[in-house]
């Protein structure tokens, strides 16, 4: 079954989001780290920085690192008062913590110099910041500003293709393809839902299909082995 043969309407997406959410509740799954930071305080700067820290880093490490850093400074101006070593120490052992510390300081300089200390609310301006890609930009728009954008990371890309929703080769292609088939009200919660689902149930290797309520209706595209 391919995406071109499937019909998606509001009821379908409501069902998927409801069933996936219930399955995650049964697993006792928590919100992804960046979502947790955003819930604590909807601040675009905190979302931007914590998303940068989260890249190639486990959720529990990201959450602890973000909280340590924000306890020291949670505005661009305050961050610039910190030594690079202080930021590195706060976010360690996040992956590539030295590079991330440099990027955070560079971003803060740009925010203060060009934007009056505020985070810009456009994808084009965000991706121009050091170390900021499309995923980080969209997540900042989503959780920091409440702006509808589909944030596609490896989990969203993989699950969307496995489910037969789309047929794409890259996350960038997936973002555009999902925009065409998914109602806008699902765009913001999509990343949070599928990241958690990809971490606990529809894992990259040998997914737990027996725990998935969509098992009988999923074409399992690209899945070689499942449980």
N, C-alpha and C. Protein backbone atom coordinates (compact mmCIF):
# COMPACT_ATOMS: atom_id res chain seq x y z
N UNK A 1 0.86 -1.19 0.00
CA UNK A 1 0.00 0.00 0.00
C UNK A 1 0.89 1.23 0.00
N UNK A 2 0.65 2.16 -0.86
CA UNK A 2 1.44 3.37 -0.95
C UNK A 2 0.58 4.58 -0.63
N UNK A 3 1.25 5.70 -0.34
CA UNK A 3 0.52 6.89 0.09
C UNK A 3 -0.49 7.36 -0.94
N UNK A 4 -0.17 7.13 -2.22
CA UNK A 4 -1.08 7.56 -3.27
C UNK A 4 -2.38 6.79 -3.26
N UNK A 5 -2.41 5.60 -2.62
CA UNK A 5 -3.60 4.77 -2.59
C UNK A 5 -4.41 4.97 -1.32
N UNK A 6 -3.90 5.75 -0.39
CA UNK A 6 -4.55 5.90 0.90
C UNK A 6 -5.31 7.22 0.95
N UNK A 7 -6.42 7.20 1.67
CA UNK A 7 -7.23 8.40 1.83
C UNK A 7 -7.10 8.88 3.27
N UNK A 8 -6.78 10.14 3.43
CA UNK A 8 -6.63 10.71 4.77
C UNK A 8 -7.62 11.86 4.94
N UNK A 9 -8.43 11.78 5.99
CA UNK A 9 -9.34 12.87 6.29
C UNK A 9 -9.18 13.22 7.77
N UNK A 10 -9.95 14.20 8.22
CA UNK A 10 -9.84 14.65 9.61
C UNK A 10 -10.05 13.50 10.60
N UNK A 11 -11.02 12.64 10.30
CA UNK A 11 -11.31 11.53 11.20
C UNK A 11 -10.14 10.57 11.31
N UNK A 12 -9.46 10.33 10.19
CA UNK A 12 -8.30 9.43 10.20
C UNK A 12 -7.21 9.98 11.13
N UNK A 13 -6.87 11.26 10.97
CA UNK A 13 -5.80 11.84 11.80
C UNK A 13 -6.21 11.92 13.25
N UNK A 14 -7.47 12.23 13.53
CA UNK A 14 -7.94 12.22 14.92
C UNK A 14 -7.77 10.84 15.54
N UNK A 15 -8.09 9.80 14.77
CA UNK A 15 -7.96 8.44 15.27
C UNK A 15 -6.51 8.08 15.53
N UNK A 16 -5.63 8.40 14.57
CA UNK A 16 -4.21 8.08 14.74
C UNK A 16 -3.63 8.77 15.97
N UNK A 17 -3.89 10.07 16.11
CA UNK A 17 -3.34 10.81 17.24
C UNK A 17 -3.89 10.27 18.56
N UNK A 18 -5.16 9.92 18.59
CA UNK A 18 -5.77 9.39 19.80
C UNK A 18 -5.19 8.02 20.17
N UNK A 19 -5.10 7.12 19.17
CA UNK A 19 -4.59 5.77 19.42
C UNK A 19 -3.11 5.78 19.81
N UNK A 20 -2.31 6.60 19.12
CA UNK A 20 -0.89 6.69 19.46
C UNK A 20 -0.71 7.26 20.87
N UNK A 21 -1.49 8.26 21.22
CA UNK A 21 -1.39 8.87 22.55
C UNK A 21 -1.75 7.87 23.64
N UNK A 22 -2.80 7.10 23.40
CA UNK A 22 -3.21 6.09 24.38
C UNK A 22 -2.14 5.01 24.53
N UNK A 23 -1.53 4.61 23.43
CA UNK A 23 -0.47 3.59 23.48
C UNK A 23 0.73 4.11 24.29
N UNK A 24 1.07 5.38 24.11
CA UNK A 24 2.18 5.96 24.86
C UNK A 24 1.85 6.06 26.34
N UNK A 25 0.60 6.36 26.66
CA UNK A 25 0.19 6.41 28.07
C UNK A 25 0.36 5.05 28.72
N UNK A 26 0.01 4.00 27.98
CA UNK A 26 0.17 2.64 28.51
C UNK A 26 1.64 2.31 28.77
N UNK A 27 2.53 2.92 27.99
CA UNK A 27 3.97 2.70 28.16
C UNK A 27 4.57 3.60 29.24
N UNK A 28 3.75 4.54 29.72
CA UNK A 28 4.26 5.48 30.72
C UNK A 28 5.25 6.46 30.14
N UNK A 29 5.12 6.75 28.84
CA UNK A 29 6.06 7.64 28.17
C UNK A 29 5.84 9.09 28.57
N UNK A 30 6.94 9.82 28.71
CA UNK A 30 6.89 11.22 29.08
C UNK A 30 7.03 12.10 27.84
N UNK A 31 6.75 13.39 28.00
CA UNK A 31 6.95 14.33 26.91
C UNK A 31 8.43 14.39 26.53
N UNK A 32 8.75 14.62 25.26
CA UNK A 32 10.14 14.86 24.88
C UNK A 32 10.70 16.05 25.65
N UNK A 33 12.01 16.08 25.82
CA UNK A 33 12.65 17.08 26.67
C UNK A 33 12.35 18.51 26.28
N UNK A 34 12.39 18.83 24.99
CA UNK A 34 12.15 20.21 24.57
C UNK A 34 10.71 20.60 24.85
N UNK A 35 9.78 19.67 24.67
CA UNK A 35 8.38 19.94 24.98
C UNK A 35 8.21 20.23 26.47
N UNK A 36 8.94 19.51 27.30
CA UNK A 36 8.88 19.73 28.74
C UNK A 36 9.37 21.13 29.09
N UNK A 37 10.48 21.54 28.46
CA UNK A 37 11.00 22.89 28.68
C UNK A 37 9.97 23.94 28.25
N UNK A 38 9.32 23.70 27.12
CA UNK A 38 8.34 24.65 26.59
C UNK A 38 7.12 24.75 27.49
N UNK A 39 6.70 23.61 28.07
CA UNK A 39 5.55 23.61 28.96
C UNK A 39 5.87 24.40 30.23
N UNK A 40 7.10 24.27 30.71
CA UNK A 40 7.49 24.98 31.93
C UNK A 40 7.43 26.49 31.73
N UNK A 41 7.83 26.95 30.54
CA UNK A 41 7.79 28.38 30.23
C UNK A 41 7.88 28.55 28.73
N UNK A 42 6.79 29.03 28.12
CA UNK A 42 6.79 29.18 26.66
C UNK A 42 7.61 30.40 26.28
N UNK A 43 8.90 30.16 26.10
CA UNK A 43 9.85 31.22 25.78
C UNK A 43 10.65 30.77 24.55
N UNK A 44 10.55 31.49 23.43
CA UNK A 44 11.25 31.08 22.21
C UNK A 44 12.75 30.87 22.42
N UNK A 45 13.37 31.68 23.26
CA UNK A 45 14.82 31.54 23.49
C UNK A 45 15.13 30.22 24.18
N UNK A 46 14.37 29.88 25.20
CA UNK A 46 14.60 28.61 25.90
C UNK A 46 14.34 27.42 24.98
N UNK A 47 13.31 27.52 24.14
CA UNK A 47 13.02 26.44 23.20
C UNK A 47 14.16 26.30 22.19
N UNK A 48 14.63 27.43 21.66
CA UNK A 48 15.72 27.41 20.68
C UNK A 48 16.97 26.78 21.26
N UNK A 49 17.38 27.21 22.44
CA UNK A 49 18.61 26.70 23.05
C UNK A 49 18.48 25.24 23.43
N UNK A 50 17.36 24.86 24.02
CA UNK A 50 17.20 23.46 24.42
C UNK A 50 17.12 22.54 23.21
N UNK A 51 16.56 23.03 22.10
CA UNK A 51 16.53 22.22 20.88
C UNK A 51 17.94 22.03 20.35
N UNK A 52 18.76 23.07 20.39
CA UNK A 52 20.16 22.93 19.97
C UNK A 52 20.88 21.89 20.84
N UNK A 53 20.64 21.96 22.13
CA UNK A 53 21.28 20.99 23.04
C UNK A 53 20.81 19.57 22.74
N UNK A 54 19.55 19.43 22.31
CA UNK A 54 18.96 18.09 22.13
C UNK A 54 19.51 17.33 20.93
N UNK A 55 20.14 18.02 19.98
CA UNK A 55 20.60 17.35 18.77
C UNK A 55 21.61 16.26 19.11
N UNK A 56 21.32 15.04 18.65
CA UNK A 56 22.16 13.86 18.91
C UNK A 56 22.42 13.66 20.40
N UNK A 57 21.40 13.92 21.20
CA UNK A 57 21.51 13.79 22.65
C UNK A 57 20.21 13.19 23.19
N UNK A 58 20.33 12.30 24.17
CA UNK A 58 19.16 11.66 24.76
C UNK A 58 18.33 12.68 25.53
N UNK A 59 17.01 12.42 25.57
CA UNK A 59 16.08 13.36 26.19
C UNK A 59 16.43 13.68 27.65
N UNK A 60 16.77 12.65 28.42
CA UNK A 60 17.03 12.90 29.83
C UNK A 60 18.28 13.77 30.01
N UNK A 61 19.26 13.59 29.13
CA UNK A 61 20.48 14.42 29.18
C UNK A 61 20.15 15.85 28.78
N UNK A 62 19.35 16.00 27.72
CA UNK A 62 18.95 17.33 27.25
C UNK A 62 18.21 18.10 28.33
N UNK A 63 17.26 17.44 28.98
CA UNK A 63 16.44 18.12 29.98
C UNK A 63 17.31 18.60 31.15
N UNK A 64 18.17 17.73 31.64
CA UNK A 64 19.04 18.11 32.77
C UNK A 64 20.01 19.21 32.37
N UNK A 65 20.59 19.10 31.17
CA UNK A 65 21.55 20.09 30.70
C UNK A 65 20.88 21.45 30.51
N UNK A 66 19.69 21.45 29.93
CA UNK A 66 18.97 22.70 29.71
C UNK A 66 18.65 23.39 31.03
N UNK A 67 18.20 22.62 31.98
CA UNK A 67 17.84 23.21 33.27
C UNK A 67 19.07 23.76 33.99
N UNK A 68 20.22 23.07 33.88
CA UNK A 68 21.45 23.58 34.49
C UNK A 68 21.85 24.91 33.85
N UNK A 69 21.77 24.95 32.50
CA UNK A 69 22.16 26.17 31.80
C UNK A 69 21.22 27.33 32.10
N UNK A 70 19.92 27.06 32.09
CA UNK A 70 18.96 28.14 32.32
C UNK A 70 18.97 28.63 33.77
N UNK A 71 19.49 27.81 34.67
CA UNK A 71 19.65 28.26 36.06
C UNK A 71 20.75 29.32 36.14
N UNK A 72 21.68 29.28 35.17
CA UNK A 72 22.76 30.27 35.10
C UNK A 72 22.34 31.50 34.30
N UNK A 73 21.64 31.25 33.20
CA UNK A 73 21.23 32.36 32.31
C UNK A 73 20.11 31.88 31.41
N UNK A 74 19.05 32.69 31.30
CA UNK A 74 17.95 32.28 30.42
C UNK A 74 17.51 33.40 29.48
N UNK A 75 18.44 34.34 29.24
CA UNK A 75 18.23 35.37 28.21
C UNK A 75 19.52 35.50 27.42
N UNK A 76 19.46 36.00 26.19
CA UNK A 76 20.70 36.17 25.41
C UNK A 76 21.70 37.07 26.12
N UNK A 77 21.22 38.14 26.73
CA UNK A 77 22.11 39.08 27.41
C UNK A 77 22.84 38.40 28.57
N UNK A 78 22.10 37.65 29.37
CA UNK A 78 22.71 36.96 30.51
C UNK A 78 23.66 35.86 30.04
N UNK A 79 23.31 35.20 28.93
CA UNK A 79 24.16 34.13 28.42
C UNK A 79 25.52 34.67 27.98
N UNK A 80 25.52 35.87 27.41
CA UNK A 80 26.77 36.47 26.93
C UNK A 80 27.71 36.84 28.08
N UNK A 81 27.19 36.90 29.29
CA UNK A 81 28.02 37.19 30.45
C UNK A 81 28.76 35.96 30.96
N UNK A 82 28.40 34.79 30.41
CA UNK A 82 29.02 33.54 30.84
C UNK A 82 30.26 33.25 30.00
N UNK A 83 31.22 32.61 30.61
CA UNK A 83 32.40 32.13 29.87
C UNK A 83 32.01 30.90 29.07
N UNK A 84 32.64 30.69 27.91
CA UNK A 84 32.34 29.47 27.15
C UNK A 84 32.48 28.20 27.98
N UNK A 85 33.46 28.16 28.86
CA UNK A 85 33.69 26.98 29.69
C UNK A 85 32.52 26.73 30.64
N UNK A 86 31.87 27.81 31.09
CA UNK A 86 30.72 27.66 31.99
C UNK A 86 29.54 27.03 31.27
N UNK A 87 29.33 27.42 30.00
CA UNK A 87 28.25 26.83 29.20
C UNK A 87 28.57 25.37 28.90
N UNK A 88 29.82 25.10 28.54
CA UNK A 88 30.24 23.72 28.27
C UNK A 88 30.01 22.83 29.49
N UNK A 89 30.39 23.33 30.64
CA UNK A 89 30.23 22.55 31.87
C UNK A 89 28.76 22.30 32.19
N UNK A 90 27.92 23.30 31.92
CA UNK A 90 26.50 23.18 32.24
C UNK A 90 25.80 22.16 31.34
N UNK A 91 26.16 22.12 30.05
CA UNK A 91 25.43 21.24 29.13
C UNK A 91 26.10 19.88 28.94
N UNK A 92 27.31 19.70 29.46
CA UNK A 92 27.94 18.37 29.41
C UNK A 92 27.09 17.35 30.16
N UNK A 93 26.88 16.12 29.66
CA UNK A 93 27.53 15.45 28.53
C UNK A 93 26.71 15.44 27.23
N UNK A 94 26.02 16.51 26.92
CA UNK A 94 25.32 16.56 25.64
C UNK A 94 26.31 16.35 24.50
N UNK A 95 25.84 15.71 23.43
CA UNK A 95 26.72 15.46 22.29
C UNK A 95 27.25 16.76 21.70
N UNK A 96 28.55 16.76 21.35
CA UNK A 96 29.20 17.93 20.73
C UNK A 96 29.00 19.19 21.58
N UNK A 97 29.14 19.03 22.90
CA UNK A 97 28.82 20.12 23.82
C UNK A 97 29.69 21.36 23.61
N UNK A 98 30.95 21.18 23.20
CA UNK A 98 31.81 22.34 22.96
C UNK A 98 31.32 23.14 21.75
N UNK A 99 30.98 22.45 20.68
CA UNK A 99 30.45 23.12 19.49
C UNK A 99 29.14 23.81 19.80
N UNK A 100 28.28 23.14 20.55
CA UNK A 100 26.99 23.73 20.91
C UNK A 100 27.17 24.97 21.78
N UNK A 101 28.13 24.93 22.69
CA UNK A 101 28.39 26.10 23.53
C UNK A 101 28.80 27.29 22.68
N UNK A 102 29.69 27.06 21.71
CA UNK A 102 30.11 28.14 20.81
C UNK A 102 28.94 28.68 20.00
N UNK A 103 28.10 27.77 19.50
CA UNK A 103 26.94 28.20 18.72
C UNK A 103 25.96 29.00 19.56
N UNK A 104 25.75 28.57 20.78
CA UNK A 104 24.83 29.29 21.67
C UNK A 104 25.30 30.71 21.89
N UNK A 105 26.60 30.89 22.14
CA UNK A 105 27.14 32.23 22.35
C UNK A 105 27.06 33.07 21.07
N UNK A 106 27.36 32.45 19.93
CA UNK A 106 27.27 33.18 18.65
C UNK A 106 25.84 33.61 18.37
N UNK A 107 24.90 32.72 18.64
CA UNK A 107 23.48 33.04 18.44
C UNK A 107 23.08 34.20 19.35
N UNK A 108 23.52 34.16 20.59
CA UNK A 108 23.16 35.23 21.53
C UNK A 108 23.69 36.58 21.07
N UNK A 109 24.91 36.60 20.53
CA UNK A 109 25.48 37.84 20.00
C UNK A 109 24.61 38.39 18.87
N UNK A 110 24.18 37.49 17.96
CA UNK A 110 23.35 37.90 16.84
C UNK A 110 22.00 38.40 17.32
N UNK A 111 21.41 37.69 18.28
CA UNK A 111 20.09 38.09 18.79
C UNK A 111 20.15 39.48 19.42
N UNK A 112 21.21 39.75 20.16
CA UNK A 112 21.35 41.05 20.81
C UNK A 112 21.65 42.14 19.78
N UNK A 113 22.55 41.86 18.86
CA UNK A 113 22.98 42.87 17.88
C UNK A 113 21.92 43.19 16.83
N UNK A 114 21.23 42.15 16.35
CA UNK A 114 20.31 42.34 15.22
C UNK A 114 18.83 42.37 15.61
N UNK A 115 18.49 41.70 16.69
CA UNK A 115 17.07 41.54 17.00
C UNK A 115 16.67 42.08 18.37
N UNK A 116 17.51 42.90 18.95
CA UNK A 116 17.17 43.50 20.24
C UNK A 116 17.03 42.49 21.36
N UNK A 117 17.70 41.36 21.23
CA UNK A 117 17.64 40.34 22.27
C UNK A 117 16.49 39.36 22.13
N UNK A 118 15.69 39.50 21.07
CA UNK A 118 14.55 38.60 20.85
C UNK A 118 14.89 37.57 19.78
N UNK A 119 14.18 36.46 19.82
CA UNK A 119 14.33 35.41 18.81
C UNK A 119 13.41 35.73 17.63
N UNK A 120 13.93 35.75 16.41
CA UNK A 120 13.07 36.04 15.25
C UNK A 120 12.04 34.95 15.03
N UNK A 121 10.87 35.34 14.52
CA UNK A 121 9.77 34.39 14.37
C UNK A 121 9.57 33.97 12.91
N UNK A 122 10.66 33.82 12.18
CA UNK A 122 10.54 33.33 10.80
C UNK A 122 11.56 32.23 10.58
N UNK A 123 11.19 31.24 9.78
CA UNK A 123 12.07 30.12 9.50
C UNK A 123 13.37 30.59 8.83
N UNK A 124 13.23 31.54 7.90
CA UNK A 124 14.39 32.00 7.14
C UNK A 124 15.44 32.64 8.07
N UNK A 125 14.98 33.45 9.01
CA UNK A 125 15.92 34.09 9.93
C UNK A 125 16.50 33.09 10.92
N UNK A 126 15.70 32.13 11.34
CA UNK A 126 16.18 31.13 12.30
C UNK A 126 17.26 30.23 11.70
N UNK A 127 17.03 29.74 10.48
CA UNK A 127 18.02 28.82 9.89
C UNK A 127 19.31 29.54 9.52
N UNK A 128 19.31 30.86 9.53
CA UNK A 128 20.53 31.61 9.27
C UNK A 128 21.42 31.70 10.51
N UNK A 129 20.89 31.29 11.67
CA UNK A 129 21.66 31.31 12.92
C UNK A 129 22.61 30.12 12.97
N UNK A 130 23.76 30.26 13.62
CA UNK A 130 24.75 29.17 13.69
C UNK A 130 24.19 27.89 14.30
N UNK A 131 24.33 26.78 13.60
CA UNK A 131 23.91 25.48 14.12
C UNK A 131 22.43 25.20 14.05
N UNK A 132 21.65 26.13 13.49
CA UNK A 132 20.19 25.96 13.44
C UNK A 132 19.77 25.42 12.07
N UNK A 133 19.17 24.23 12.07
CA UNK A 133 18.64 23.63 10.85
C UNK A 133 17.13 23.76 10.82
N UNK A 134 16.53 23.11 9.84
CA UNK A 134 15.08 23.22 9.66
C UNK A 134 14.32 22.67 10.87
N UNK A 135 14.79 21.52 11.40
CA UNK A 135 14.11 20.93 12.55
C UNK A 135 14.11 21.89 13.73
N UNK A 136 15.28 22.46 14.05
CA UNK A 136 15.38 23.38 15.18
C UNK A 136 14.52 24.62 14.95
N UNK A 137 14.54 25.12 13.72
CA UNK A 137 13.74 26.30 13.40
C UNK A 137 12.25 26.03 13.57
N UNK A 138 11.79 24.94 13.02
CA UNK A 138 10.35 24.62 13.10
C UNK A 138 9.90 24.34 14.52
N UNK A 139 10.75 23.67 15.29
CA UNK A 139 10.38 23.38 16.68
C UNK A 139 10.31 24.68 17.49
N UNK A 140 11.20 25.62 17.18
CA UNK A 140 11.16 26.92 17.85
C UNK A 140 9.89 27.67 17.48
N UNK A 141 9.51 27.62 16.21
CA UNK A 141 8.26 28.26 15.78
C UNK A 141 7.06 27.59 16.45
N UNK A 142 7.09 26.25 16.50
CA UNK A 142 5.98 25.49 17.10
C UNK A 142 5.81 25.80 18.58
N UNK A 143 6.83 25.45 19.34
CA UNK A 143 6.73 25.46 20.80
C UNK A 143 7.04 26.81 21.41
N UNK A 144 7.82 27.62 20.70
CA UNK A 144 8.17 28.92 21.23
C UNK A 144 7.17 30.00 20.89
N UNK A 145 6.62 29.94 19.67
CA UNK A 145 5.71 30.98 19.20
C UNK A 145 4.28 30.49 18.95
N UNK A 146 4.07 29.17 18.94
CA UNK A 146 2.74 28.64 18.63
C UNK A 146 2.40 28.79 17.15
N UNK A 147 3.44 28.91 16.31
CA UNK A 147 3.23 29.06 14.87
C UNK A 147 3.17 27.67 14.24
N UNK A 148 2.18 27.44 13.40
CA UNK A 148 2.00 26.12 12.78
C UNK A 148 3.12 25.83 11.78
N UNK A 149 3.83 24.77 12.05
CA UNK A 149 4.89 24.31 11.15
C UNK A 149 5.10 22.84 11.46
N UNK A 150 5.40 22.06 10.44
CA UNK A 150 5.66 20.63 10.65
C UNK A 150 7.14 20.44 10.90
N UNK A 151 7.47 19.97 12.08
CA UNK A 151 8.87 19.74 12.44
C UNK A 151 9.19 18.27 12.20
N UNK A 152 10.06 18.00 11.24
CA UNK A 152 10.39 16.63 10.87
C UNK A 152 11.80 16.28 11.31
N UNK A 153 11.91 15.32 12.22
CA UNK A 153 13.22 14.77 12.57
C UNK A 153 13.25 13.32 12.09
N UNK A 154 14.23 12.55 12.54
CA UNK A 154 14.37 11.18 12.04
C UNK A 154 13.16 10.31 12.38
N UNK A 155 12.56 10.53 13.57
CA UNK A 155 11.40 9.73 13.97
C UNK A 155 10.18 10.04 13.11
N UNK A 156 9.90 11.33 12.91
CA UNK A 156 8.75 11.73 12.11
C UNK A 156 8.92 11.22 10.68
N UNK A 157 10.09 11.40 10.12
CA UNK A 157 10.38 10.95 8.75
C UNK A 157 10.18 9.44 8.61
N UNK A 158 10.73 8.69 9.55
CA UNK A 158 10.68 7.23 9.46
C UNK A 158 9.26 6.70 9.65
N UNK A 159 8.56 7.17 10.66
CA UNK A 159 7.22 6.67 10.95
C UNK A 159 6.25 7.04 9.84
N UNK A 160 6.34 8.27 9.34
CA UNK A 160 5.44 8.71 8.27
C UNK A 160 5.59 7.85 7.02
N UNK A 161 6.82 7.43 6.73
CA UNK A 161 7.05 6.56 5.58
C UNK A 161 6.65 5.11 5.88
N UNK A 162 6.93 4.65 7.09
CA UNK A 162 6.52 3.28 7.47
C UNK A 162 5.01 3.11 7.39
N UNK A 163 4.30 4.13 7.81
CA UNK A 163 2.84 4.07 7.84
C UNK A 163 2.22 4.21 6.45
N UNK A 164 3.05 4.55 5.46
CA UNK A 164 2.54 4.71 4.11
C UNK A 164 1.85 6.05 3.89
N UNK A 165 2.07 7.00 4.81
CA UNK A 165 1.46 8.31 4.63
C UNK A 165 2.11 9.04 3.46
N UNK A 166 3.42 8.90 3.37
CA UNK A 166 4.20 9.59 2.33
C UNK A 166 5.27 8.64 1.80
N UNK A 167 5.88 9.02 0.71
CA UNK A 167 7.03 8.29 0.16
C UNK A 167 8.12 9.30 -0.14
N UNK A 168 9.05 9.45 0.80
CA UNK A 168 10.10 10.46 0.67
C UNK A 168 11.44 9.90 1.08
N UNK A 169 12.50 10.62 0.69
CA UNK A 169 13.86 10.16 0.98
C UNK A 169 14.54 10.98 2.07
N UNK A 170 14.08 12.20 2.30
CA UNK A 170 14.73 13.08 3.28
C UNK A 170 13.68 13.75 4.17
N UNK A 171 14.10 14.19 5.36
CA UNK A 171 13.18 14.93 6.23
C UNK A 171 12.61 16.18 5.56
N UNK A 172 13.43 16.86 4.74
CA UNK A 172 12.96 18.06 4.07
C UNK A 172 11.82 17.73 3.11
N UNK A 173 11.95 16.63 2.38
CA UNK A 173 10.88 16.18 1.49
C UNK A 173 9.64 15.78 2.30
N UNK A 174 9.88 15.17 3.45
CA UNK A 174 8.77 14.72 4.30
C UNK A 174 7.96 15.91 4.81
N UNK A 175 8.64 16.98 5.18
CA UNK A 175 7.94 18.17 5.67
C UNK A 175 6.94 18.67 4.63
N UNK A 176 7.40 18.80 3.40
CA UNK A 176 6.53 19.30 2.32
C UNK A 176 5.40 18.32 2.01
N UNK A 177 5.72 17.01 2.01
CA UNK A 177 4.71 16.00 1.69
C UNK A 177 3.63 15.94 2.77
N UNK A 178 4.01 16.04 4.03
CA UNK A 178 3.05 15.98 5.12
C UNK A 178 2.15 17.22 5.13
N UNK A 179 2.70 18.36 4.75
CA UNK A 179 1.89 19.57 4.69
C UNK A 179 0.72 19.42 3.71
N UNK A 180 0.92 18.60 2.69
CA UNK A 180 -0.11 18.43 1.66
C UNK A 180 -1.25 17.53 2.12
N UNK A 181 -0.99 16.63 3.06
CA UNK A 181 -2.01 15.65 3.42
C UNK A 181 -2.56 15.82 4.84
N UNK A 182 -1.89 16.63 5.66
CA UNK A 182 -2.27 16.72 7.07
C UNK A 182 -2.89 18.08 7.39
N UNK A 183 -4.09 18.11 7.99
CA UNK A 183 -4.71 19.38 8.39
C UNK A 183 -3.79 20.17 9.32
N UNK A 184 -3.84 21.48 9.24
CA UNK A 184 -2.90 22.34 9.96
C UNK A 184 -2.96 22.16 11.48
N UNK A 185 -4.13 21.80 12.01
CA UNK A 185 -4.23 21.70 13.47
C UNK A 185 -3.39 20.56 14.04
N UNK A 186 -2.91 19.67 13.18
CA UNK A 186 -2.07 18.57 13.65
C UNK A 186 -0.58 18.89 13.51
N UNK A 187 -0.25 19.97 12.85
CA UNK A 187 1.15 20.24 12.53
C UNK A 187 2.03 20.40 13.78
N UNK A 188 1.55 21.18 14.76
CA UNK A 188 2.37 21.43 15.94
C UNK A 188 2.53 20.17 16.81
N UNK A 189 1.44 19.45 17.14
CA UNK A 189 1.60 18.28 18.01
C UNK A 189 2.25 17.07 17.33
N UNK A 190 2.41 17.10 16.00
CA UNK A 190 2.93 15.93 15.30
C UNK A 190 4.31 15.52 15.80
N UNK A 191 5.23 16.47 15.90
CA UNK A 191 6.60 16.13 16.30
C UNK A 191 6.65 15.53 17.69
N UNK A 192 5.99 16.17 18.63
CA UNK A 192 5.97 15.67 20.01
C UNK A 192 5.45 14.24 20.07
N UNK A 193 4.37 13.96 19.34
CA UNK A 193 3.76 12.64 19.35
C UNK A 193 4.67 11.59 18.73
N UNK A 194 5.19 11.87 17.52
CA UNK A 194 5.96 10.85 16.81
C UNK A 194 7.37 10.67 17.36
N UNK A 195 7.95 11.72 17.93
CA UNK A 195 9.25 11.55 18.58
C UNK A 195 9.11 10.55 19.73
N UNK A 196 8.09 10.76 20.56
CA UNK A 196 7.87 9.85 21.69
C UNK A 196 7.50 8.45 21.19
N UNK A 197 6.68 8.39 20.14
CA UNK A 197 6.28 7.10 19.59
C UNK A 197 7.49 6.36 19.00
N UNK A 198 8.38 7.11 18.38
CA UNK A 198 9.57 6.51 17.79
C UNK A 198 10.60 6.07 18.82
N UNK A 199 10.51 6.64 20.01
CA UNK A 199 11.43 6.27 21.08
C UNK A 199 10.95 5.05 21.86
N UNK A 200 9.63 4.85 21.91
CA UNK A 200 9.09 3.80 22.79
C UNK A 200 8.40 2.65 22.06
N UNK A 201 7.81 2.89 20.90
CA UNK A 201 7.05 1.84 20.22
C UNK A 201 7.53 1.61 18.80
N UNK A 202 7.45 2.61 17.96
CA UNK A 202 7.88 2.46 16.56
C UNK A 202 9.36 2.82 16.46
N UNK A 203 10.18 2.04 17.18
CA UNK A 203 11.61 2.32 17.27
C UNK A 203 12.29 2.04 15.92
N UNK A 204 13.47 2.63 15.69
CA UNK A 204 14.11 2.51 14.38
C UNK A 204 14.38 1.07 13.94
N UNK A 205 14.87 0.24 14.86
CA UNK A 205 15.20 -1.16 14.53
C UNK A 205 14.27 -2.09 15.29
N UNK A 206 13.64 -3.02 14.57
CA UNK A 206 12.73 -3.99 15.16
C UNK A 206 11.66 -3.33 16.03
N UNK A 207 10.76 -2.55 15.40
CA UNK A 207 9.72 -1.84 16.15
C UNK A 207 8.77 -2.79 16.87
N UNK A 208 8.14 -2.28 17.93
CA UNK A 208 7.20 -3.05 18.74
C UNK A 208 5.81 -2.99 18.11
N UNK A 209 5.64 -3.61 16.96
CA UNK A 209 4.36 -3.55 16.25
C UNK A 209 3.22 -4.16 17.06
N UNK A 210 3.55 -5.14 17.91
CA UNK A 210 2.53 -5.77 18.74
C UNK A 210 1.92 -4.82 19.75
N UNK A 211 2.61 -3.71 20.03
CA UNK A 211 2.08 -2.71 20.97
C UNK A 211 1.36 -1.58 20.26
N UNK A 212 1.40 -1.59 18.92
CA UNK A 212 0.84 -0.49 18.15
C UNK A 212 -0.61 -0.76 17.76
N UNK A 213 -1.53 0.13 18.10
CA UNK A 213 -2.95 -0.07 17.77
C UNK A 213 -3.25 0.03 16.28
N UNK A 214 -2.27 0.51 15.48
CA UNK A 214 -2.45 0.59 14.03
C UNK A 214 -1.77 -0.56 13.32
N UNK A 215 -1.33 -1.55 14.05
CA UNK A 215 -0.56 -2.66 13.49
C UNK A 215 -1.23 -3.30 12.28
N UNK A 216 -2.50 -3.61 12.38
CA UNK A 216 -3.19 -4.30 11.29
C UNK A 216 -3.42 -3.44 10.06
N UNK A 217 -3.25 -2.13 10.20
CA UNK A 217 -3.50 -1.22 9.08
C UNK A 217 -2.22 -0.56 8.58
N UNK A 218 -1.09 -0.92 9.16
CA UNK A 218 0.19 -0.31 8.78
C UNK A 218 0.90 -1.19 7.76
N UNK A 219 1.32 -0.62 6.62
CA UNK A 219 2.00 -1.41 5.60
C UNK A 219 3.44 -1.77 5.98
N UNK A 220 3.96 -1.19 7.07
CA UNK A 220 5.31 -1.48 7.56
C UNK A 220 6.37 -1.31 6.47
N UNK A 221 6.29 -0.22 5.75
CA UNK A 221 7.22 0.03 4.65
C UNK A 221 8.66 0.09 5.19
N UNK A 222 9.52 -0.74 4.61
CA UNK A 222 10.92 -0.74 5.00
C UNK A 222 11.25 -1.50 6.26
N UNK A 223 10.25 -2.08 6.93
CA UNK A 223 10.50 -2.82 8.18
C UNK A 223 10.90 -4.25 7.84
N UNK A 224 12.08 -4.64 8.28
CA UNK A 224 12.58 -5.99 7.99
C UNK A 224 12.25 -6.96 9.12
N UNK A 225 12.18 -6.45 10.33
CA UNK A 225 11.93 -7.30 11.50
C UNK A 225 11.15 -6.50 12.52
N UNK A 226 10.15 -7.14 13.12
CA UNK A 226 9.37 -6.44 14.14
C UNK A 226 8.99 -7.39 15.24
N UNK A 227 8.55 -6.80 16.37
CA UNK A 227 8.18 -7.60 17.55
C UNK A 227 6.71 -7.45 17.85
